C-alpha atoms as a PDB file:
ATOM      1  CA  MET A   1     -96.222 -73.513-233.421  1.00  0.00           C
ATOM      2  CA  THR A   2     -93.178 -74.716-231.462  1.00  0.00           C
ATOM      3  CA  SER A   3     -90.262 -72.872-230.877  1.00  0.00           C
ATOM      4  CA  ALA A   4     -86.730 -74.383-230.384  1.00  0.00           C
ATOM      5  CA  ALA A   5     -85.086 -74.021-226.900  1.00  0.00           C
ATOM      6  CA  LYS A   6     -82.191 -71.657-227.027  1.00  0.00           C
ATOM      7  CA  PRO A   7     -79.307 -72.405-224.708  1.00  0.00           C
ATOM      8  CA  ILE A   8     -78.566 -70.076-221.888  1.00  0.00           C
ATOM      9  CA  GLN A   9     -75.409 -67.990-222.445  1.00  0.00           C
ATOM     10  CA  GLU A  10     -73.353 -66.151-220.145  1.00  0.00           C
ATOM     11  CA  PRO A  11     -73.151 -62.584-220.908  1.00  0.00           C
ATOM     12  CA  ASP A  12     -69.433 -62.160-220.306  1.00  0.00           C
ATOM     13  CA  GLY A  13     -68.309 -64.735-222.832  1.00  0.00           C
ATOM     14  CA  TRP A  14     -67.077 -67.454-220.657  1.00  0.00           C
ATOM     15  CA  ASP A  15     -69.759 -70.016-221.821  1.00  0.00           C
ATOM     16  CA  GLU A  16     -67.348 -71.532-224.388  1.00  0.00           C
ATOM     17  CA  GLU A  17     -64.463 -73.602-223.720  1.00  0.00           C
ATOM     18  CA  ILE A  18     -60.896 -72.448-224.206  1.00  0.00           C
ATOM     19  CA  SER A  19     -57.917 -73.840-225.842  1.00  0.00           C
ATOM     20  CA  GLU A  20     -54.519 -74.545-224.040  1.00  0.00           C
ATOM     21  CA  GLU A  21     -53.011 -71.769-225.670  1.00  0.00           C
ATOM     22  CA  GLU A  22     -55.684 -69.417-224.593  1.00  0.00           C
ATOM     23  CA  LEU A  23     -55.608 -70.746-220.882  1.00  0.00           C
ATOM     24  CA  GLN A  24     -51.820 -70.253-220.883  1.00  0.00           C
ATOM     25  CA  PHE A  25     -51.988 -66.558-222.068  1.00  0.00           C
ATOM     26  CA  LEU A  26     -54.398 -65.830-219.448  1.00  0.00           C
ATOM     27  CA  ALA A  27     -52.438 -67.445-216.706  1.00  0.00           C
ATOM     28  CA  GLU A  28     -49.387 -65.278-217.953  1.00  0.00           C
ATOM     29  CA  CYS A  29     -51.053 -62.204-218.635  1.00  0.00           C
ATOM     30  CA  MET A  30     -54.416 -62.018-216.670  1.00  0.00           C
ATOM     31  CA  PRO A  31     -53.669 -64.233-213.513  1.00  0.00           C
ATOM     32  CA  GLU A  32     -56.047 -62.156-211.350  1.00  0.00           C
ATOM     33  CA  GLN A  33     -59.170 -62.390-213.897  1.00  0.00           C
ATOM     34  CA  LEU A  34     -58.515 -66.080-214.221  1.00  0.00           C
ATOM     35  CA  ALA A  35     -58.176 -66.721-210.566  1.00  0.00           C
ATOM     36  CA  ALA A  36     -61.584 -64.700-210.033  1.00  0.00           C
ATOM     37  CA  LYS A  37     -63.475 -66.690-212.773  1.00  0.00           C
ATOM     38  CA  ALA A  38     -62.075 -69.911-211.423  1.00  0.00           C
ATOM     39  CA  ALA A  39     -63.513 -68.954-207.727  1.00  0.00           C
ATOM     40  CA  GLU A  40     -66.649 -67.726-209.453  1.00  0.00           C
ATOM     41  CA  LEU A  41     -67.041 -71.225-210.940  1.00  0.00           C
ATOM     42  CA  GLU A  42     -66.349 -73.181-207.686  1.00  0.00           C
ATOM     43  CA  GLN A  43     -69.010 -71.413-205.964  1.00  0.00           C
ATOM     44  CA  ASP A  44     -71.739 -72.328-208.808  1.00  0.00           C
ATOM     45  CA  LEU A  45     -71.307 -75.892-208.164  1.00  0.00           C
ATOM     46  CA  PRO A  46     -74.555 -77.676-207.429  1.00  0.00           C
ATOM     47  CA  GLU A  47     -74.913 -79.375-204.417  1.00  0.00           C
ATOM     48  CA  ILE A  48     -74.828 -83.190-205.485  1.00  0.00           C
ATOM     49  CA  PRO A  49     -76.678 -85.635-203.162  1.00  0.00           C
ATOM     50  CA  ARG A  50     -74.863 -88.487-201.755  1.00  0.00           C
ATOM     51  CA  VAL A  51     -75.354 -91.854-203.539  1.00  0.00           C
ATOM     52  CA  PRO A  52     -74.304 -95.122-201.999  1.00  0.00           C
ATOM     53  CA  ASN A  53     -71.830 -97.096-203.840  1.00  0.00           C
ATOM     54  CA  LEU A  54     -71.376-100.982-204.256  1.00  0.00           C
ATOM     55  CA  SER A  55     -68.703-101.224-201.690  1.00  0.00           C
ATOM     56  CA  GLU A  56     -71.181-100.240-199.187  1.00  0.00           C
ATOM     57  CA  LYS A  57     -73.180-103.079-197.132  1.00  0.00           C
ATOM     58  CA  ARG A  58     -76.732-102.758-197.410  1.00  0.00           C
ATOM     59  CA  PRO A  59     -79.637-105.125-196.547  1.00  0.00           C
ATOM     60  CA  LEU A  60     -81.119-106.873-199.641  1.00  0.00           C
ATOM     61  CA  ARG A  61     -84.727-106.763-200.375  1.00  0.00           C
ATOM     62  CA  ARG A  62     -86.250-110.121-200.793  1.00  0.00           C
ATOM     63  CA  ALA A  63     -88.203-110.580-203.926  1.00  0.00           C
ATOM     64  CA  ALA A  64     -91.657-111.445-203.508  1.00  0.00           C
END
């Protein structure tokens, strides 16, 4: 028996994307809560390792 994996849901109801109208309402009526949530989300960003891009010069490996 295998069970389907359930997505993790945040308990406070912020797990769904909100519409532009909802965002506008929050900005007008609840700016403190919106700012607090934005700060919380910025803190939750994962550390992304630096990846070299194609414009950086790197020595090429020779094929055998």
